[in-house]
Amino acid sequence: MRITNMENSRNNNKNNNNLNANNNQTNTIAPPSPQSPPSISVPSPPSFVSLSDPMLYVPKMMFLTKGKGIHKDYLTSFELALRDADVADLNLVSVSSIKPPQCKIISRQEGRKYLRPGQIAFTILARSSTNEPNRLIAASIGLARPADDNAQHGYLSEHHSTGETAQKAGDYAEDMAMEMLATTLGLPNDPTLTWDQREEQWKLSGKIYKTQNFTQSAEGNKDGLWTTVVSAAILIL
């Protein structure tokens, strides 16, 4: 009987230990498995063009334009001349007179497609005004282009005059541009020769491709209103 009681006691202890183990397993809560954070798509930063890049400031195209305006006020006559030239809605900044290599010359109508009202536009501008009745005025842009237009820059000149016809003012502006280009190209500039002789010498060199002028002239209003003429080369970056 004593042995039987001891065996029963052992069995009861074993059962109690198993029950406690099961209770411990039931009450134990496993910690949640770590989850990786959701992936967030971060857009790449926009690519910015460096404003220090000099090529941003080399004009790729240009066009020539001209106009005339008449008004009792000087400034308004200038505004009307710009309107006639179709550039009054631009913020014009005058610059010196270099035509960059490979800069394409296009029409005014084509050039306006690249410009917006209020845009800053660089220009070589010639202007002349008078309120003297019948006074002859002219504004002219001269252009000289080298034969190697892909590598060599050309020249633009501006000429403002009174008392000159459009022909005379235009020839003068064109001659100035050609002389600047010729001396840059190292062509001889013999002061003992007449202008016509030097011009012929430069053209025969084969280094100057073409010269031209773009001129606006007018006579002063007979009633003494301000008359203004402009001629311009508009550069497009």
Protein backbone atom coordinates (compact mmCIF):
# COMPACT_ATOMS: atom_id res chain seq x y z
CA MET A 1 0.00 0.00 0.00
CA ARG A 2 2.85 2.36 0.75
CA ILE A 3 4.40 1.79 -2.64
CA THR A 4 1.10 2.37 -4.39
CA ASN A 5 0.62 5.65 -2.55
CA MET A 6 4.11 6.80 -3.51
CA GLU A 7 3.50 5.99 -7.16
CA ASN A 8 0.20 7.88 -7.08
CA SER A 9 1.95 10.84 -5.51
CA ARG A 10 4.59 10.80 -8.22
CA ASN A 11 1.96 10.61 -10.93
CA ASN A 12 0.05 13.53 -9.41
CA ASN A 13 3.20 15.61 -9.24
CA LYS A 14 4.03 14.79 -12.85
CA ASN A 15 0.55 15.72 -13.98
CA ASN A 16 0.73 18.99 -12.06
CA ASN A 17 4.08 19.81 -13.65
CA ASN A 18 2.68 19.10 -17.13
CA LEU A 19 -0.34 21.27 -16.40
CA ASN A 20 1.82 24.11 -15.19
CA ALA A 21 3.99 23.81 -18.32
CA ASN A 22 0.90 23.94 -20.52
CA ASN A 23 -0.40 26.96 -18.65
CA ASN A 24 2.91 28.67 -19.05
CA GLN A 25 2.88 27.97 -22.78
CA THR A 26 -0.70 29.22 -23.09
CA ASN A 27 -0.08 32.45 -21.20
CA THR A 28 3.13 33.26 -23.00
CA ILE A 29 2.54 35.87 -25.77
CA ALA A 30 5.17 35.90 -28.43
CA PRO A 31 6.38 39.38 -29.28
CA PRO A 32 5.41 40.57 -32.78
CA SER A 33 7.98 39.91 -35.40
CA PRO A 34 9.74 43.06 -36.48
CA GLN A 35 8.48 44.44 -39.79
CA SER A 36 10.50 46.55 -42.18
CA PRO A 37 9.11 50.08 -42.58
CA PRO A 38 7.09 50.71 -45.72
CA SER A 39 9.18 51.85 -48.61
CA ILE A 40 8.69 55.49 -49.52
CA SER A 41 9.42 56.64 -53.04
CA VAL A 42 11.55 59.76 -52.80
CA PRO A 43 11.67 61.75 -56.04
CA SER A 44 15.12 62.60 -57.26
CA PRO A 45 16.01 66.27 -57.00
CA PRO A 46 15.43 68.28 -60.18
CA SER A 47 18.42 68.78 -62.38
CA PHE A 48 19.38 72.44 -62.39
CA VAL A 49 21.31 74.17 -65.14
CA SER A 50 24.30 76.03 -63.79
CA LEU A 51 23.87 79.73 -64.35
CA SER A 52 27.65 80.02 -64.52
CA ASP A 53 27.70 78.10 -67.81
CA PRO A 54 28.83 80.71 -70.38
CA MET A 55 27.01 78.93 -73.20
CA LEU A 56 23.71 80.02 -71.65
CA TYR A 57 24.53 83.58 -72.61
CA VAL A 58 25.63 83.02 -76.19
CA PRO A 59 22.78 83.92 -78.57
CA LYS A 60 21.71 81.14 -80.89
CA MET A 61 19.53 83.28 -83.16
CA MET A 62 18.92 86.91 -84.01
CA PHE A 63 16.59 89.00 -86.13
CA LEU A 64 16.63 92.55 -87.47
CA THR A 65 13.76 94.97 -87.06
CA LYS A 66 12.96 98.66 -87.42
CA GLY A 67 10.17 101.16 -86.77
CA LYS A 68 8.99 104.76 -86.61
CA GLY A 69 6.83 106.65 -84.11
CA ILE A 70 5.32 110.17 -83.97
CA HIS A 71 3.82 111.84 -80.89
CA LYS A 72 3.79 115.14 -79.02
CA ASP A 73 5.84 113.53 -76.23
CA TYR A 74 9.37 112.33 -76.88
CA LEU A 75 9.12 109.15 -74.80
CA THR A 76 5.80 108.16 -76.34
CA SER A 77 7.21 108.60 -79.83
CA PHE A 78 9.96 106.14 -78.86
CA GLU A 79 7.35 103.71 -77.54
CA LEU A 80 5.41 103.94 -80.80
CA ALA A 81 8.59 103.29 -82.79
CA LEU A 82 9.20 100.15 -80.73
CA ARG A 83 5.61 99.06 -81.37
CA ASP A 84 6.13 99.57 -85.08
CA ALA A 85 9.20 97.35 -84.78
CA ASP A 86 7.14 94.76 -82.83
CA VAL A 87 9.43 94.81 -79.77
CA ALA A 88 7.62 97.24 -77.43
CA ASP A 89 6.48 94.43 -75.10
CA LEU A 90 10.07 93.36 -74.35
CA ASN A 91 12.47 94.63 -71.69
CA LEU A 92 15.30 95.62 -73.99
CA VAL A 93 18.90 95.64 -72.73
CA SER A 94 21.46 97.25 -75.03
CA VAL A 95 24.70 95.35 -75.51
CA SER A 96 27.79 95.79 -77.63
CA SER A 97 28.03 94.57 -81.11
CA ILE A 98 29.21 90.99 -81.60
CA LYS A 99 27.41 88.43 -83.74
CA PRO A 100 28.37 85.06 -82.21
CA PRO A 101 29.62 82.19 -84.36
CA GLN A 102 26.81 79.93 -85.61
CA CYS A 103 24.19 82.52 -84.65
CA LYS A 104 21.38 82.03 -87.14
CA ILE A 105 19.70 85.07 -88.68
CA ILE A 106 15.94 84.57 -88.86
CA SER A 107 12.93 86.68 -89.77
CA ARG A 108 11.16 88.94 -87.28
CA GLN A 109 8.04 86.80 -87.47
CA GLU A 110 10.01 83.66 -86.66
CA GLY A 111 11.98 85.36 -83.91
CA ARG A 112 8.89 86.57 -82.09
CA LYS A 113 7.88 82.95 -81.50
CA TYR A 114 10.77 82.62 -79.04
CA LEU A 115 10.00 85.79 -77.06
CA ARG A 116 7.32 86.47 -74.45
CA PRO A 117 5.90 89.79 -73.20
CA GLY A 118 8.03 91.17 -70.39
CA GLN A 119 11.03 89.01 -71.30
CA ILE A 120 14.49 90.54 -71.04
CA ALA A 121 15.94 90.66 -74.54
CA PHE A 122 19.45 91.74 -75.43
CA THR A 123 19.69 94.07 -78.40
CA ILE A 124 22.00 96.19 -80.49
CA LEU A 125 19.84 99.29 -80.82
CA ALA A 126 20.15 102.43 -82.93
CA ARG A 127 17.70 105.30 -82.37
CA SER A 128 17.30 108.90 -83.43
CA SER A 129 14.67 111.53 -82.63
CA THR A 130 13.76 115.06 -83.63
CA ASN A 131 10.96 117.59 -83.15
CA GLU A 132 12.35 119.86 -85.84
CA PRO A 133 9.97 119.99 -88.85
CA ASN A 134 11.32 118.26 -91.95
CA ARG A 135 14.58 117.30 -90.22
CA LEU A 136 15.97 114.11 -91.74
CA ILE A 137 16.91 111.41 -89.21
CA ALA A 138 18.08 107.82 -89.53
CA ALA A 139 18.91 104.82 -87.36
CA SER A 140 20.90 101.98 -88.88
CA ILE A 141 22.38 98.61 -87.92
CA GLY A 142 25.33 97.37 -89.96
CA LEU A 143 26.30 93.70 -90.10
CA ALA A 144 29.52 92.06 -91.30
CA ARG A 145 29.75 88.27 -91.39
CA PRO A 146 32.99 86.27 -91.81
CA ALA A 147 33.40 83.50 -94.35
CA ASP A 148 34.00 81.01 -91.52
CA ASP A 149 30.76 81.76 -89.71
CA ASN A 150 30.95 78.53 -87.68
CA ALA A 151 34.14 79.48 -85.84
CA GLN A 152 34.60 83.24 -86.23
CA HIS A 153 32.36 85.93 -84.77
CA GLY A 154 31.01 88.79 -86.85
CA TYR A 155 30.29 92.43 -86.07
CA LEU A 156 27.21 94.58 -85.68
CA SER A 157 27.40 98.37 -85.64
CA GLU A 158 24.82 100.98 -84.71
CA HIS A 159 24.65 104.40 -86.33
CA HIS A 160 22.35 107.29 -85.37
CA SER A 161 22.33 110.32 -87.60
CA THR A 162 20.60 113.54 -88.59
CA GLY A 163 20.71 115.09 -92.03
CA GLU A 164 21.52 111.79 -93.76
CA THR A 165 19.45 109.76 -96.17
CA ALA A 166 18.73 106.13 -95.42
CA GLN A 167 21.23 105.14 -98.13
CA LYS A 168 24.05 107.20 -96.67
CA ALA A 169 23.36 106.18 -93.07
CA GLY A 170 23.08 102.52 -94.06
CA ASP A 171 26.34 102.55 -96.02
CA TYR A 172 28.13 104.17 -93.09
CA ALA A 173 26.88 101.57 -90.59
CA GLU A 174 27.76 98.73 -92.95
CA ASP A 175 31.25 100.13 -93.55
CA MET A 176 31.90 100.42 -89.80
CA ALA A 177 30.96 96.79 -89.24
CA MET A 178 33.14 95.63 -92.11
CA GLU A 179 36.16 97.62 -90.89
CA MET A 180 35.84 96.15 -87.37
CA LEU A 181 35.65 92.63 -88.78
CA ALA A 182 38.52 93.16 -91.21
CA THR A 183 40.91 94.43 -88.53
CA THR A 184 39.91 91.54 -86.24
CA LEU A 185 40.74 89.09 -89.02
CA GLY A 186 44.17 90.71 -89.44
CA LEU A 187 43.46 92.15 -92.88
CA PRO A 188 45.56 95.18 -93.91
CA ASN A 189 44.14 98.61 -93.10
CA ASP A 190 46.36 100.95 -95.05
CA PRO A 191 45.39 104.55 -94.17
CA THR A 192 46.97 105.82 -97.39
CA LEU A 193 44.32 103.98 -99.42
CA THR A 194 40.85 105.35 -100.01
CA TRP A 195 37.91 103.64 -98.35
CA ASP A 196 36.82 102.06 -101.63
CA GLN A 197 40.31 100.65 -102.18
CA ARG A 198 40.44 99.13 -98.70
CA GLU A 199 36.93 97.74 -99.07
CA GLU A 200 37.84 96.06 -102.33
CA GLN A 201 41.00 94.65 -100.77
CA TRP A 202 39.06 93.17 -97.85
CA LYS A 203 36.40 91.63 -100.06
CA LEU A 204 39.00 90.06 -102.32
CA SER A 205 40.65 88.40 -99.31
CA GLY A 206 37.87 85.81 -99.20
CA LYS A 207 37.61 86.14 -95.42
CA ILE A 208 34.51 88.33 -95.36
CA TYR A 209 31.35 86.56 -96.46
CA LYS A 210 28.74 89.30 -96.49
CA THR A 211 27.93 92.81 -95.29
CA GLN A 212 24.52 94.45 -95.04
CA ASN A 213 22.58 97.16 -93.23
CA PHE A 214 19.09 97.58 -91.82
CA THR A 215 18.00 101.21 -91.74
CA GLN A 216 14.97 103.27 -90.75
CA SER A 217 14.77 106.94 -91.73
CA ALA A 218 12.13 109.66 -91.48
CA GLU A 219 11.55 113.38 -91.78
CA GLY A 220 10.60 115.43 -88.75
CA ASN A 221 6.86 116.00 -88.40
CA LYS A 222 5.78 119.23 -90.10
CA ASP A 223 3.81 120.28 -86.99
CA GLY A 224 6.75 119.85 -84.65
CA LEU A 225 5.70 116.56 -83.08
CA TRP A 226 8.44 114.26 -81.90
CA THR A 227 9.54 111.76 -84.55
CA THR A 228 11.64 108.77 -83.51
CA VAL A 229 13.19 106.02 -85.62
CA VAL A 230 14.75 102.79 -84.36
CA SER A 231 16.65 99.93 -85.90
CA ALA A 232 17.67 96.90 -83.86
CA ALA A 233 19.20 93.46 -83.87
CA ILE A 234 17.38 91.31 -81.31
CA LEU A 235 19.47 88.47 -79.85
CA ILE A 236 17.78 85.23 -78.77
CA LEU A 237 19.55 83.01 -76.22
